[in-house]
Amino acid sequence: MNIVVLLKQTFDTEEKVELVNGAVAEQSVKFIINPYDEYALEEALRIREAHGGNVTVLSCGPERAAEALRTALAMGADEAVLLSNEGLPEDGHAIAAALAAVVDQLQPNLLLAGLFAIDRGAGSVALQIAERLGLPHAAAAVKLEIQTGGANGGSTAVVERDTEWGVETVEIPLPALVTAQQGLNEPRYPSLPGIMKAKRKPLRQVSVAELQLAESDLAPRTERVSLAAPPARAAGKKLAGTPSEQAAALAELLQSEAKLF
């Protein structure tokens, strides 16, 4: 089983995030593996342990993203590929086009990714890759089982996915994309032997120029106009009077100030 895991390095939302000139100040935050991508990586490692094969982690980002890939290698991944984001616009369409070209070279039986990244929350890049490569996909997986040797000799993925109406079970043929929801598993921690082995595992770097993408692929479809911190919370108000007077005052404030109705 050849498994590829899409992995993004994001800033830790538990840290205090500061904005400087409309961008996150990198020197003030700690960078981590996107938590949803950790679920995808853990599932890939469990599938390899059950069925054998190879796990490759793939990330698109700056040079510092290699740190996240090394952590993934320490957790147990076999290989890593870092696609430099130099020359790529900050746009999901362009990033998906570049990553799809690398995934196509790797020819995975199974492509895994997190449901979304906690820094942007769009959750569209992995799905765009699946569309470009013609892969069936199942999103928000809370349980994943690989079945081999089906009626037609192929393998399938049986996925229990989290939906607005409850848990839905679907079966899709491999190769396919599955995105991981919280609750799929509990990611392991890198062990000391794993950390030492990670230093010797291959980490290949790829540039956008090597992929020979069309200009239309690199043309951004979205634009970030601005990035701002949420407004400071205003001081609360204490309503006086009887319960009925307080209720009337609250209704008036919700209508005149909060504009809720």
C-alpha atoms as a PDB file:
ATOM      1  CA  MET A   1       0.000   0.000   0.000  1.00  0.00           C
ATOM      2  CA  ASN A   2       1.526   3.290  -1.156  1.00  0.00           C
ATOM      3  CA  ILE A   3       0.078   6.030   1.054  1.00  0.00           C
ATOM      4  CA  VAL A   4       0.635   9.783   0.688  1.00  0.00           C
ATOM      5  CA  VAL A   5      -0.340  12.167   3.477  1.00  0.00           C
ATOM      6  CA  LEU A   6      -0.832  15.868   2.816  1.00  0.00           C
ATOM      7  CA  LEU A   7       0.587  17.811   5.727  1.00  0.00           C
ATOM      8  CA  LYS A   8       0.627  21.531   6.496  1.00  0.00           C
ATOM      9  CA  GLN A   9       2.688  23.410   9.057  1.00  0.00           C
ATOM     10  CA  THR A  10       0.453  25.884  10.892  1.00  0.00           C
ATOM     11  CA  PHE A  11       0.843  28.232  13.816  1.00  0.00           C
ATOM     12  CA  ASP A  12      -0.313  26.962  17.196  1.00  0.00           C
ATOM     13  CA  THR A  13      -3.650  28.604  17.997  1.00  0.00           C
ATOM     14  CA  GLU A  14      -2.912  28.119  21.701  1.00  0.00           C
ATOM     15  CA  GLU A  15      -0.169  30.733  21.339  1.00  0.00           C
ATOM     16  CA  LYS A  16      -0.791  34.474  21.268  1.00  0.00           C
ATOM     17  CA  VAL A  17      -1.009  35.485  17.613  1.00  0.00           C
ATOM     18  CA  GLU A  18       0.159  38.980  16.705  1.00  0.00           C
ATOM     19  CA  LEU A  19      -0.431  40.752  13.406  1.00  0.00           C
ATOM     20  CA  VAL A  20       2.199  43.025  11.868  1.00  0.00           C
ATOM     21  CA  ASN A  21       1.356  44.872   8.638  1.00  0.00           C
ATOM     22  CA  GLY A  22      -1.577  42.568   7.971  1.00  0.00           C
ATOM     23  CA  ALA A  23       0.331  39.304   8.460  1.00  0.00           C
ATOM     24  CA  VAL A  24       0.983  36.931  11.357  1.00  0.00           C
ATOM     25  CA  ALA A  25       4.291  37.773  13.041  1.00  0.00           C
ATOM     26  CA  GLU A  26       6.179  34.487  12.706  1.00  0.00           C
ATOM     27  CA  GLN A  27       8.718  35.250  15.410  1.00  0.00           C
ATOM     28  CA  SER A  28       5.949  35.435  18.022  1.00  0.00           C
ATOM     29  CA  VAL A  29       4.258  32.075  17.355  1.00  0.00           C
ATOM     30  CA  LYS A  30       5.067  28.392  17.645  1.00  0.00           C
ATOM     31  CA  PHE A  31       4.606  26.302  14.494  1.00  0.00           C
ATOM     32  CA  ILE A  32       3.127  22.804  14.622  1.00  0.00           C
ATOM     33  CA  ILE A  33       1.710  20.123  12.325  1.00  0.00           C
ATOM     34  CA  ASN A  34      -1.894  20.978  11.533  1.00  0.00           C
ATOM     35  CA  PRO A  35      -3.826  18.842  14.090  1.00  0.00           C
ATOM     36  CA  TYR A  36      -6.235  17.399  11.510  1.00  0.00           C
ATOM     37  CA  ASP A  37      -3.255  16.340   9.381  1.00  0.00           C
ATOM     38  CA  GLU A  38      -1.881  14.506  12.429  1.00  0.00           C
ATOM     39  CA  TYR A  39      -5.028  12.356  12.428  1.00  0.00           C
ATOM     40  CA  ALA A  40      -4.426  11.601   8.739  1.00  0.00           C
ATOM     41  CA  LEU A  41      -0.782  10.680   9.401  1.00  0.00           C
ATOM     42  CA  GLU A  42      -1.648   8.437  12.342  1.00  0.00           C
ATOM     43  CA  GLU A  43      -4.237   6.618  10.217  1.00  0.00           C
ATOM     44  CA  ALA A  44      -1.673   6.131   7.446  1.00  0.00           C
ATOM     45  CA  LEU A  45       0.775   4.593   9.911  1.00  0.00           C
ATOM     46  CA  ARG A  46      -1.894   2.235  11.260  1.00  0.00           C
ATOM     47  CA  ILE A  47      -2.878   1.152   7.744  1.00  0.00           C
ATOM     48  CA  ARG A  48       0.778   0.471   6.897  1.00  0.00           C
ATOM     49  CA  GLU A  49       1.153  -1.576  10.067  1.00  0.00           C
ATOM     50  CA  ALA A  50      -1.896  -3.651   9.086  1.00  0.00           C
ATOM     51  CA  HIS A  51      -1.316  -4.010   5.341  1.00  0.00           C
ATOM     52  CA  GLY A  52       2.348  -3.139   4.777  1.00  0.00           C
ATOM     53  CA  GLY A  53       3.602  -0.518   2.372  1.00  0.00           C
ATOM     54  CA  ASN A  54       5.098   2.950   2.436  1.00  0.00           C
ATOM     55  CA  VAL A  55       4.000   6.293   3.908  1.00  0.00           C
ATOM     56  CA  THR A  56       5.140   9.534   2.288  1.00  0.00           C
ATOM     57  CA  VAL A  57       4.323  12.922   3.803  1.00  0.00           C
ATOM     58  CA  LEU A  58       3.994  15.865   1.421  1.00  0.00           C
ATOM     59  CA  SER A  59       3.898  19.530   2.352  1.00  0.00           C
ATOM     60  CA  CYS A  60       3.859  22.843   0.500  1.00  0.00           C
ATOM     61  CA  GLY A  61       5.461  25.720   2.328  1.00  0.00           C
ATOM     62  CA  PRO A  62       8.631  27.651   3.172  1.00  0.00           C
ATOM     63  CA  GLU A  63      11.899  26.128   4.336  1.00  0.00           C
ATOM     64  CA  ARG A  64      10.707  26.009   7.957  1.00  0.00           C
ATOM     65  CA  ALA A  65       8.022  23.456   6.949  1.00  0.00           C
ATOM     66  CA  ALA A  66      10.824  20.866   6.844  1.00  0.00           C
ATOM     67  CA  GLU A  67      10.642  20.846  10.649  1.00  0.00           C
ATOM     68  CA  ALA A  68       7.051  19.571  10.502  1.00  0.00           C
ATOM     69  CA  LEU A  69       8.060  16.932   7.962  1.00  0.00           C
ATOM     70  CA  ARG A  70      10.913  15.769  10.211  1.00  0.00           C
ATOM     71  CA  THR A  71       8.408  15.420  13.048  1.00  0.00           C
ATOM     72  CA  ALA A  72       6.217  13.287  10.769  1.00  0.00           C
ATOM     73  CA  LEU A  73       9.233  11.138   9.907  1.00  0.00           C
ATOM     74  CA  ALA A  74       9.953  10.757  13.620  1.00  0.00           C
ATOM     75  CA  MET A  75       6.363   9.592  14.145  1.00  0.00           C
ATOM     76  CA  GLY A  76       6.999   6.820  11.629  1.00  0.00           C
ATOM     77  CA  ALA A  77       6.572   8.103   8.060  1.00  0.00           C
ATOM     78  CA  ASP A  78       9.046   6.584   5.583  1.00  0.00           C
ATOM     79  CA  GLU A  79       9.729   9.510   3.262  1.00  0.00           C
ATOM     80  CA  ALA A  80       8.983  13.227   2.990  1.00  0.00           C
ATOM     81  CA  VAL A  81       8.643  15.726   0.155  1.00  0.00           C
ATOM     82  CA  LEU A  82       8.709  19.492   0.610  1.00  0.00           C
ATOM     83  CA  LEU A  83       7.264  21.550  -2.236  1.00  0.00           C
ATOM     84  CA  SER A  84       8.636  25.075  -1.956  1.00  0.00           C
ATOM     85  CA  ASN A  85       5.931  27.742  -2.011  1.00  0.00           C
ATOM     86  CA  GLU A  86       8.335  30.220  -3.605  1.00  0.00           C
ATOM     87  CA  GLY A  87       6.636  31.529  -6.730  1.00  0.00           C
ATOM     88  CA  LEU A  88       3.210  30.298  -5.625  1.00  0.00           C
ATOM     89  CA  PRO A  89       0.442  32.774  -4.783  1.00  0.00           C
ATOM     90  CA  GLU A  90      -1.370  32.371  -1.452  1.00  0.00           C
ATOM     91  CA  ASP A  91      -4.302  30.795  -3.219  1.00  0.00           C
ATOM     92  CA  GLY A  92      -5.857  27.356  -2.785  1.00  0.00           C
ATOM     93  CA  HIS A  93      -6.281  26.857  -6.539  1.00  0.00           C
ATOM     94  CA  ALA A  94      -2.589  27.361  -7.304  1.00  0.00           C
ATOM     95  CA  ILE A  95      -1.388  25.373  -4.299  1.00  0.00           C
ATOM     96  CA  ALA A  96      -3.707  22.479  -5.189  1.00  0.00           C
ATOM     97  CA  ALA A  97      -2.434  22.493  -8.782  1.00  0.00           C
ATOM     98  CA  ALA A  98       1.186  22.266  -7.628  1.00  0.00           C
ATOM     99  CA  LEU A  99       0.515  19.601  -5.018  1.00  0.00           C
ATOM    100  CA  ALA A 100      -1.571  17.570  -7.484  1.00  0.00           C
ATOM    101  CA  ALA A 101       1.410  17.459  -9.850  1.00  0.00           C
ATOM    102  CA  VAL A 102       3.602  16.004  -7.082  1.00  0.00           C
ATOM    103  CA  VAL A 103       0.923  13.544  -5.938  1.00  0.00           C
ATOM    104  CA  ASP A 104       0.542  12.375  -9.539  1.00  0.00           C
ATOM    105  CA  GLN A 105       4.256  11.540  -9.594  1.00  0.00           C
ATOM    106  CA  LEU A 106       3.983   9.581  -6.337  1.00  0.00           C
ATOM    107  CA  GLN A 107       1.029   7.484  -7.598  1.00  0.00           C
ATOM    108  CA  PRO A 108      -0.494   6.638  -4.203  1.00  0.00           C
ATOM    109  CA  ASN A 109      -3.051   3.915  -3.582  1.00  0.00           C
ATOM    110  CA  LEU A 110      -4.461   6.114  -0.843  1.00  0.00           C
ATOM    111  CA  LEU A 111      -4.237   9.882  -0.338  1.00  0.00           C
ATOM    112  CA  LEU A 112      -4.952  11.133   3.183  1.00  0.00           C
ATOM    113  CA  ALA A 113      -5.313  14.690   4.469  1.00  0.00           C
ATOM    114  CA  GLY A 114      -6.826  16.631   7.341  1.00  0.00           C
ATOM    115  CA  LEU A 115     -10.383  17.893   7.003  1.00  0.00           C
ATOM    116  CA  PHE A 116      -9.083  21.475   7.055  1.00  0.00           C
ATOM    117  CA  ALA A 117      -6.159  23.571   8.277  1.00  0.00           C
ATOM    118  CA  ILE A 118      -6.688  25.510  11.493  1.00  0.00           C
ATOM    119  CA  ASP A 119      -5.007  28.658  10.168  1.00  0.00           C
ATOM    120  CA  ARG A 120      -7.348  29.227   7.200  1.00  0.00           C
ATOM    121  CA  GLY A 121     -10.150  26.731   7.670  1.00  0.00           C
ATOM    122  CA  ALA A 122     -11.109  26.486   3.992  1.00  0.00           C
ATOM    123  CA  GLY A 123     -10.697  22.737   3.651  1.00  0.00           C
ATOM    124  CA  SER A 124     -10.582  22.927  -0.150  1.00  0.00           C
ATOM    125  CA  VAL A 125      -7.029  22.067  -1.253  1.00  0.00           C
ATOM    126  CA  ALA A 126      -7.233  18.287  -0.776  1.00  0.00           C
ATOM    127  CA  LEU A 127     -10.608  18.149  -2.524  1.00  0.00           C
ATOM    128  CA  GLN A 128      -9.257  20.162  -5.463  1.00  0.00           C
ATOM    129  CA  ILE A 129      -6.361  17.703  -5.759  1.00  0.00           C
ATOM    130  CA  ALA A 130      -8.812  14.788  -5.873  1.00  0.00           C
ATOM    131  CA  GLU A 131     -10.822  16.550  -8.576  1.00  0.00           C
ATOM    132  CA  ARG A 132      -7.717  17.237 -10.657  1.00  0.00           C
ATOM    133  CA  LEU A 133      -6.537  13.626 -10.424  1.00  0.00           C
ATOM    134  CA  GLY A 134      -9.969  12.070 -10.864  1.00  0.00           C
ATOM    135  CA  LEU A 135      -9.923  10.413  -7.430  1.00  0.00           C
ATOM    136  CA  PRO A 136     -13.101   9.478  -5.561  1.00  0.00           C
ATOM    137  CA  HIS A 137     -13.119  10.961  -2.085  1.00  0.00           C
ATOM    138  CA  ALA A 138     -14.785  10.786   1.312  1.00  0.00           C
ATOM    139  CA  ALA A 139     -14.521  13.725   3.696  1.00  0.00           C
ATOM    140  CA  ALA A 140     -14.618  13.999   7.508  1.00  0.00           C
ATOM    141  CA  ALA A 141     -13.739  10.364   8.242  1.00  0.00           C
ATOM    142  CA  VAL A 142     -14.175   9.174  11.830  1.00  0.00           C
ATOM    143  CA  LYS A 143     -13.422   5.540  10.927  1.00  0.00           C
ATOM    144  CA  LEU A 144     -11.523   4.059   7.995  1.00  0.00           C
ATOM    145  CA  GLU A 145     -11.125   0.426   6.981  1.00  0.00           C
ATOM    146  CA  ILE A 146      -9.220  -0.838   3.946  1.00  0.00           C
ATOM    147  CA  GLN A 147     -10.652  -3.954   2.321  1.00  0.00           C
ATOM    148  CA  THR A 148      -8.488  -5.877  -0.141  1.00  0.00           C
ATOM    149  CA  GLY A 149      -9.251  -8.611  -2.649  1.00  0.00           C
ATOM    150  CA  GLY A 150     -12.780  -7.548  -3.573  1.00  0.00           C
ATOM    151  CA  ALA A 151     -15.009  -9.157  -6.181  1.00  0.00           C
ATOM    152  CA  ASN A 152     -13.150  -7.371  -8.979  1.00  0.00           C
ATOM    153  CA  GLY A 153      -9.742  -7.924  -7.415  1.00  0.00           C
ATOM    154  CA  GLY A 154      -9.419  -4.298  -6.300  1.00  0.00           C
ATOM    155  CA  SER A 155      -9.212  -2.648  -2.902  1.00  0.00           C
ATOM    156  CA  THR A 156     -11.793  -0.348  -1.371  1.00  0.00           C
ATOM    157  CA  ALA A 157     -12.004   2.069   1.529  1.00  0.00           C
ATOM    158  CA  VAL A 158     -14.999   1.790   3.857  1.00  0.00           C
ATOM    159  CA  VAL A 159     -15.394   5.170   5.512  1.00  0.00           C
ATOM    160  CA  GLU A 160     -17.620   6.288   8.351  1.00  0.00           C
ATOM    161  CA  ARG A 161     -17.900  10.025   7.876  1.00  0.00           C
ATOM    162  CA  ASP A 162     -19.199  12.765  10.129  1.00  0.00           C
ATOM    163  CA  THR A 163     -22.078  14.696   8.540  1.00  0.00           C
ATOM    164  CA  GLU A 164     -24.660  17.251   9.632  1.00  0.00           C
ATOM    165  CA  TRP A 165     -27.279  14.485   9.817  1.00  0.00           C
ATOM    166  CA  GLY A 166     -25.132  11.949  11.681  1.00  0.00           C
ATOM    167  CA  VAL A 167     -22.588   9.282  10.732  1.00  0.00           C
ATOM    168  CA  GLU A 168     -22.736   8.082   7.125  1.00  0.00           C
ATOM    169  CA  THR A 169     -20.943   4.962   5.837  1.00  0.00           C
ATOM    170  CA  VAL A 170     -19.626   4.960   2.273  1.00  0.00           C
ATOM    171  CA  GLU A 171     -17.446   2.579   0.273  1.00  0.00           C
ATOM    172  CA  ILE A 172     -15.137   3.942  -2.422  1.00  0.00           C
ATOM    173  CA  PRO A 173     -12.636   2.197  -4.711  1.00  0.00           C
ATOM    174  CA  LEU A 174      -8.911   2.848  -4.385  1.00  0.00           C
ATOM    175  CA  PRO A 175      -7.000   4.926  -5.294  1.00  0.00           C
ATOM    176  CA  ALA A 176      -8.974   7.573  -3.409  1.00  0.00           C
ATOM    177  CA  LEU A 177      -8.743  10.570  -1.090  1.00  0.00           C
ATOM    178  CA  VAL A 178      -9.983  10.464   2.502  1.00  0.00           C
ATOM    179  CA  THR A 179      -9.887  13.501   4.792  1.00  0.00           C
ATOM    180  CA  ALA A 180      -9.649  13.009   8.554  1.00  0.00           C
ATOM    181  CA  GLN A 181     -12.038  14.411  11.141  1.00  0.00           C
ATOM    182  CA  GLN A 182     -11.278  14.767  14.844  1.00  0.00           C
ATOM    183  CA  GLY A 183     -12.004  11.448  16.562  1.00  0.00           C
ATOM    184  CA  LEU A 184     -10.594   9.239  13.805  1.00  0.00           C
ATOM    185  CA  ASN A 185      -7.751   8.210  16.133  1.00  0.00           C
ATOM    186  CA  GLU A 186      -5.326   9.446  18.770  1.00  0.00           C
ATOM    187  CA  PRO A 187      -2.013  10.491  17.138  1.00  0.00           C
ATOM    188  CA  ARG A 188       1.139   9.000  18.614  1.00  0.00           C
ATOM    189  CA  TYR A 189       4.099  10.995  19.910  1.00  0.00           C
ATOM    190  CA  PRO A 190       7.508  10.746  18.234  1.00  0.00           C
ATOM    191  CA  SER A 191       9.755   8.331  20.142  1.00  0.00           C
ATOM    192  CA  LEU A 192      13.440   8.979  20.828  1.00  0.00           C
ATOM    193  CA  PRO A 193      14.502   6.191  18.410  1.00  0.00           C
ATOM    194  CA  GLY A 194      12.069   7.619  15.867  1.00  0.00           C
ATOM    195  CA  ILE A 195      13.604  11.074  16.215  1.00  0.00           C
ATOM    196  CA  MET A 196      17.078   9.641  15.639  1.00  0.00           C
ATOM    197  CA  LYS A 197      15.934   7.608  12.612  1.00  0.00           C
ATOM    198  CA  ALA A 198      14.166  10.665  11.133  1.00  0.00           C
ATOM    199  CA  LYS A 199      17.517  12.345  10.600  1.00  0.00           C
ATOM    200  CA  ARG A 200      18.482   9.604   8.157  1.00  0.00           C
ATOM    201  CA  LYS A 201      15.199   9.300   6.293  1.00  0.00           C
ATOM    202  CA  PRO A 202      14.906  10.937   2.849  1.00  0.00           C
ATOM    203  CA  LEU A 203      13.433  14.439   2.606  1.00  0.00           C
ATOM    204  CA  ARG A 204      13.204  15.544  -1.018  1.00  0.00           C
ATOM    205  CA  GLN A 205      12.718  19.174  -1.984  1.00  0.00           C
ATOM    206  CA  VAL A 206      10.801  20.183  -5.103  1.00  0.00           C
ATOM    207  CA  SER A 207      10.436  23.608  -6.714  1.00  0.00           C
ATOM    208  CA  VAL A 208       7.421  24.885  -8.622  1.00  0.00           C
ATOM    209  CA  ALA A 209       9.595  25.367 -11.710  1.00  0.00           C
ATOM    210  CA  GLU A 210      10.288  21.606 -11.847  1.00  0.00           C
ATOM    211  CA  LEU A 211       6.578  20.852 -12.180  1.00  0.00           C
ATOM    212  CA  GLN A 212       6.155  22.783 -15.455  1.00  0.00           C
ATOM    213  CA  LEU A 213       2.640  23.933 -14.606  1.00  0.00           C
ATOM    214  CA  ALA A 214       0.495  25.937 -17.006  1.00  0.00           C
ATOM    215  CA  GLU A 215       0.066  29.666 -16.374  1.00  0.00           C
ATOM    216  CA  SER A 216      -3.644  29.074 -15.797  1.00  0.00           C
ATOM    217  CA  ASP A 217      -2.794  26.708 -12.941  1.00  0.00           C
ATOM    218  CA  LEU A 218      -0.710  29.337 -11.194  1.00  0.00           C
ATOM    219  CA  ALA A 219      -3.213  32.159 -11.730  1.00  0.00           C
ATOM    220  CA  PRO A 220      -4.841  32.912  -8.343  1.00  0.00           C
ATOM    221  CA  ARG A 221      -8.609  32.594  -8.032  1.00  0.00           C
ATOM    222  CA  THR A 222      -8.832  34.320  -4.656  1.00  0.00           C
ATOM    223  CA  GLU A 223      -7.252  37.373  -3.030  1.00  0.00           C
ATOM    224  CA  ARG A 224      -6.785  38.203   0.621  1.00  0.00           C
ATOM    225  CA  VAL A 225      -7.865  41.800   0.976  1.00  0.00           C
ATOM    226  CA  SER A 226      -7.008  42.238   4.644  1.00  0.00           C
ATOM    227  CA  LEU A 227      -6.311  40.358   7.855  1.00  0.00           C
ATOM    228  CA  ALA A 228      -7.331  41.864  11.172  1.00  0.00           C
ATOM    229  CA  ALA A 229      -7.621  40.783  14.778  1.00  0.00           C
ATOM    230  CA  PRO A 230     -11.138  40.543  16.236  1.00  0.00           C
ATOM    231  CA  PRO A 231     -12.336  43.732  17.936  1.00  0.00           C
ATOM    232  CA  ALA A 232     -11.649  44.050  21.630  1.00  0.00           C
ATOM    233  CA  ARG A 233     -14.522  42.858  23.790  1.00  0.00           C
ATOM    234  CA  ALA A 234     -16.563  45.754  25.147  1.00  0.00           C
ATOM    235  CA  ALA A 235     -17.302  46.061  28.843  1.00  0.00           C
ATOM    236  CA  GLY A 236     -20.476  44.333  29.989  1.00  0.00           C
ATOM    237  CA  LYS A 237     -23.561  46.074  31.281  1.00  0.00           C
ATOM    238  CA  LYS A 238     -25.415  45.291  34.481  1.00  0.00           C
ATOM    239  CA  LEU A 239     -29.173  45.667  34.214  1.00  0.00           C
ATOM    240  CA  ALA A 240     -31.033  46.941  37.261  1.00  0.00           C
ATOM    241  CA  GLY A 241     -34.662  46.689  38.270  1.00  0.00           C
ATOM    242  CA  THR A 242     -37.170  43.915  38.639  1.00  0.00           C
ATOM    243  CA  PRO A 243     -36.898  40.758  36.478  1.00  0.00           C
ATOM    244  CA  SER A 244     -39.544  42.085  34.078  1.00  0.00           C
ATOM    245  CA  GLU A 245     -37.745  45.450  33.814  1.00  0.00           C
ATOM    246  CA  GLN A 246     -34.438  43.690  33.176  1.00  0.00           C
ATOM    247  CA  ALA A 247     -36.038  41.561  30.466  1.00  0.00           C
ATOM    248  CA  ALA A 248     -37.486  44.637  28.768  1.00  0.00           C
ATOM    249  CA  ALA A 249     -34.126  46.450  28.949  1.00  0.00           C
ATOM    250  CA  LEU A 250     -32.317  43.404  27.532  1.00  0.00           C
ATOM    251  CA  ALA A 251     -34.752  43.162  24.628  1.00  0.00           C
ATOM    252  CA  GLU A 252     -34.245  46.861  23.900  1.00  0.00           C
ATOM    253  CA  LEU A 253     -30.446  46.494  23.893  1.00  0.00           C
ATOM    254  CA  LEU A 254     -30.559  43.437  21.629  1.00  0.00           C
ATOM    255  CA  GLN A 255     -32.650  45.409  19.162  1.00  0.00           C
ATOM    256  CA  SER A 256     -30.933  48.815  19.313  1.00  0.00           C
ATOM    257  CA  GLU A 257     -27.278  47.876  19.912  1.00  0.00           C
ATOM    258  CA  ALA A 258     -26.770  44.235  18.955  1.00  0.00           C
ATOM    259  CA  LYS A 259     -29.129  44.553  15.937  1.00  0.00           C
ATOM    260  CA  LEU A 260     -30.277  40.951  16.423  1.00  0.00           C
ATOM    261  CA  PHE A 261     -33.877  41.686  15.429  1.00  0.00           C
END
